[in-house]
Amino acid sequence: MNILVRAVITGFGLKLGSEVAKRIAERFSRDEDADAKEEKRDSAEEDDMMPSELTTDGPAA
């Protein structure tokens, strides 16, 4: 019986620790994700500034 109680407590502790680690990882990864999204948005804005009709025919006469 003592072993069963220890196993249950250990399992609960491991599950709780896992959930805490996930929350901490999410909190720290959000900062990196926000930076990546900002860089992606900035590059998309630069792409919008480029002429949309580029051809390989050469300059128009």
N, C-alpha and C. Protein backbone atom coordinates (compact mmCIF):
# COMPACT_ATOMS: atom_id res chain seq x y z
N MET A 1 0.83 -1.19 0.00
CA MET A 1 0.00 0.00 0.00
C MET A 1 0.87 1.25 0.00
N ASN A 2 1.95 1.21 0.76
CA ASN A 2 2.86 2.35 0.85
C ASN A 2 3.47 2.64 -0.52
N ILE A 3 3.82 1.59 -1.24
CA ILE A 3 4.41 1.78 -2.57
C ILE A 3 3.40 2.41 -3.52
N LEU A 4 2.16 2.00 -3.44
CA LEU A 4 1.11 2.56 -4.29
C LEU A 4 0.92 4.05 -4.01
N VAL A 5 0.91 4.43 -2.76
CA VAL A 5 0.76 5.84 -2.40
C VAL A 5 1.93 6.65 -2.93
N ARG A 6 3.13 6.13 -2.79
CA ARG A 6 4.32 6.82 -3.30
C ARG A 6 4.26 6.96 -4.83
N ALA A 7 3.80 5.92 -5.50
CA ALA A 7 3.70 5.96 -6.96
C ALA A 7 2.70 7.02 -7.41
N VAL A 8 1.58 7.09 -6.73
CA VAL A 8 0.56 8.09 -7.07
C VAL A 8 1.10 9.49 -6.84
N ILE A 9 1.75 9.71 -5.71
CA ILE A 9 2.31 11.03 -5.39
C ILE A 9 3.40 11.40 -6.39
N THR A 10 4.24 10.43 -6.73
CA THR A 10 5.31 10.69 -7.71
C THR A 10 4.72 11.02 -9.08
N GLY A 11 3.71 10.28 -9.49
CA GLY A 11 3.06 10.56 -10.78
C GLY A 11 2.43 11.93 -10.81
N PHE A 12 1.79 12.30 -9.71
CA PHE A 12 1.18 13.63 -9.63
C PHE A 12 2.26 14.70 -9.69
N GLY A 13 3.36 14.49 -8.99
CA GLY A 13 4.45 15.46 -9.00
C GLY A 13 5.06 15.62 -10.38
N LEU A 14 5.25 14.51 -11.07
CA LEU A 14 5.82 14.56 -12.43
C LEU A 14 4.88 15.30 -13.39
N LYS A 15 3.59 15.03 -13.28
CA LYS A 15 2.61 15.69 -14.14
C LYS A 15 2.58 17.19 -13.86
N LEU A 16 2.60 17.55 -12.59
CA LEU A 16 2.58 18.95 -12.20
C LEU A 16 3.84 19.66 -12.69
N GLY A 17 4.97 19.01 -12.54
CA GLY A 17 6.24 19.58 -13.02
C GLY A 17 6.24 19.76 -14.52
N SER A 18 5.66 18.81 -15.23
CA SER A 18 5.58 18.90 -16.68
C SER A 18 4.73 20.10 -17.11
N GLU A 19 3.61 20.29 -16.45
CA GLU A 19 2.73 21.41 -16.78
C GLU A 19 3.40 22.75 -16.49
N VAL A 20 4.11 22.83 -15.38
CA VAL A 20 4.83 24.07 -15.04
C VAL A 20 5.90 24.36 -16.09
N ALA A 21 6.63 23.33 -16.50
CA ALA A 21 7.67 23.51 -17.51
C ALA A 21 7.08 23.98 -18.83
N LYS A 22 5.91 23.46 -19.21
CA LYS A 22 5.25 23.89 -20.46
C LYS A 22 4.87 25.36 -20.38
N ARG A 23 4.33 25.78 -19.24
CA ARG A 23 3.93 27.18 -19.07
C ARG A 23 5.14 28.10 -19.17
N ILE A 24 6.22 27.71 -18.54
CA ILE A 24 7.44 28.53 -18.58
C ILE A 24 7.98 28.60 -20.01
N ALA A 25 7.98 27.48 -20.70
CA ALA A 25 8.47 27.45 -22.09
C ALA A 25 7.60 28.33 -22.97
N GLU A 26 6.29 28.31 -22.78
CA GLU A 26 5.40 29.17 -23.58
C GLU A 26 5.69 30.64 -23.32
N ARG A 27 5.91 30.98 -22.08
CA ARG A 27 6.16 32.38 -21.73
C ARG A 27 7.43 32.89 -22.38
N PHE A 28 8.50 32.08 -22.36
CA PHE A 28 9.75 32.51 -22.96
C PHE A 28 9.73 32.42 -24.47
N SER A 29 9.00 31.49 -25.03
CA SER A 29 8.96 31.35 -26.49
C SER A 29 8.06 32.42 -27.12
N ARG A 30 7.15 32.98 -26.38
CA ARG A 30 6.30 34.04 -26.93
C ARG A 30 7.13 35.24 -27.34
N ASP A 31 8.16 35.58 -26.56
CA ASP A 31 9.01 36.71 -26.89
C ASP A 31 9.72 36.46 -28.22
N GLU A 32 10.23 35.24 -28.42
CA GLU A 32 10.90 34.91 -29.66
C GLU A 32 9.92 34.88 -30.82
N ASP A 33 8.72 34.34 -30.59
CA ASP A 33 7.70 34.29 -31.63
C ASP A 33 7.27 35.70 -32.03
N ALA A 34 7.16 36.59 -31.08
CA ALA A 34 6.76 37.97 -31.38
C ALA A 34 7.83 38.64 -32.23
N ASP A 35 9.11 38.40 -31.91
CA ASP A 35 10.19 38.97 -32.71
C ASP A 35 10.17 38.43 -34.13
N ALA A 36 9.93 37.13 -34.27
CA ALA A 36 9.89 36.51 -35.60
C ALA A 36 8.72 37.06 -36.41
N LYS A 37 7.56 37.24 -35.78
CA LYS A 37 6.40 37.78 -36.48
C LYS A 37 6.66 39.22 -36.90
N GLU A 38 7.33 40.00 -36.05
CA GLU A 38 7.63 41.39 -36.39
C GLU A 38 8.57 41.46 -37.58
N GLU A 39 9.60 40.60 -37.60
CA GLU A 39 10.53 40.58 -38.72
C GLU A 39 9.81 40.16 -40.01
N LYS A 40 8.90 39.19 -39.92
CA LYS A 40 8.16 38.74 -41.09
C LYS A 40 7.27 39.86 -41.62
N ARG A 41 6.62 40.60 -40.71
CA ARG A 41 5.77 41.70 -41.11
C ARG A 41 6.59 42.80 -41.78
N ASP A 42 7.78 43.10 -41.23
CA ASP A 42 8.63 44.11 -41.82
C ASP A 42 9.08 43.73 -43.23
N SER A 43 9.43 42.46 -43.43
CA SER A 43 9.85 42.03 -44.75
C SER A 43 8.69 42.05 -45.74
N ALA A 44 7.48 41.78 -45.26
CA ALA A 44 6.30 41.83 -46.13
C ALA A 44 6.02 43.27 -46.55
N GLU A 45 6.24 44.21 -45.66
CA GLU A 45 6.05 45.61 -46.01
C GLU A 45 7.07 46.04 -47.06
N GLU A 46 8.31 45.56 -46.94
CA GLU A 46 9.33 45.88 -47.93
C GLU A 46 8.97 45.28 -49.28
N ASP A 47 8.41 44.09 -49.28
CA ASP A 47 8.01 43.45 -50.53
C ASP A 47 6.89 44.23 -51.21
N ASP A 48 6.01 44.84 -50.42
CA ASP A 48 4.93 45.63 -50.98
C ASP A 48 5.45 46.88 -51.68
N MET A 49 6.62 47.34 -51.31
CA MET A 49 7.20 48.53 -51.92
C MET A 49 7.81 48.23 -53.29
N MET A 50 8.08 46.98 -53.58
CA MET A 50 8.69 46.60 -54.84
C MET A 50 7.65 46.69 -55.96
N PRO A 51 8.10 47.05 -57.17
CA PRO A 51 7.14 47.06 -58.28
C PRO A 51 6.59 45.66 -58.52
N SER A 52 5.30 45.60 -58.76
CA SER A 52 4.67 44.29 -58.89
C SER A 52 4.78 43.72 -60.30
N GLU A 53 5.05 44.55 -61.28
CA GLU A 53 5.11 44.06 -62.65
C GLU A 53 6.55 44.06 -63.15
N LEU A 54 7.31 43.09 -62.77
CA LEU A 54 8.68 42.95 -63.25
C LEU A 54 8.69 41.97 -64.41
N THR A 55 9.37 42.33 -65.47
CA THR A 55 9.46 41.46 -66.64
C THR A 55 10.92 41.26 -66.99
N THR A 56 11.20 40.24 -67.77
CA THR A 56 12.57 39.98 -68.23
C THR A 56 12.74 40.42 -69.68
N ASP A 57 11.77 41.17 -70.22
CA ASP A 57 11.84 41.60 -71.61
C ASP A 57 12.81 42.75 -71.82
N GLY A 58 13.23 43.39 -70.78
CA GLY A 58 14.11 44.54 -70.91
C GLY A 58 13.31 45.82 -70.80
N PRO A 59 13.99 46.95 -70.94
CA PRO A 59 13.30 48.22 -70.79
C PRO A 59 12.36 48.49 -71.97
N ALA A 60 11.25 49.13 -71.68
CA ALA A 60 10.31 49.47 -72.73
C ALA A 60 10.82 50.68 -73.48
N ALA A 61 10.67 50.67 -74.79
CA ALA A 61 11.21 51.76 -75.62
C ALA A 61 10.19 52.82 -75.90
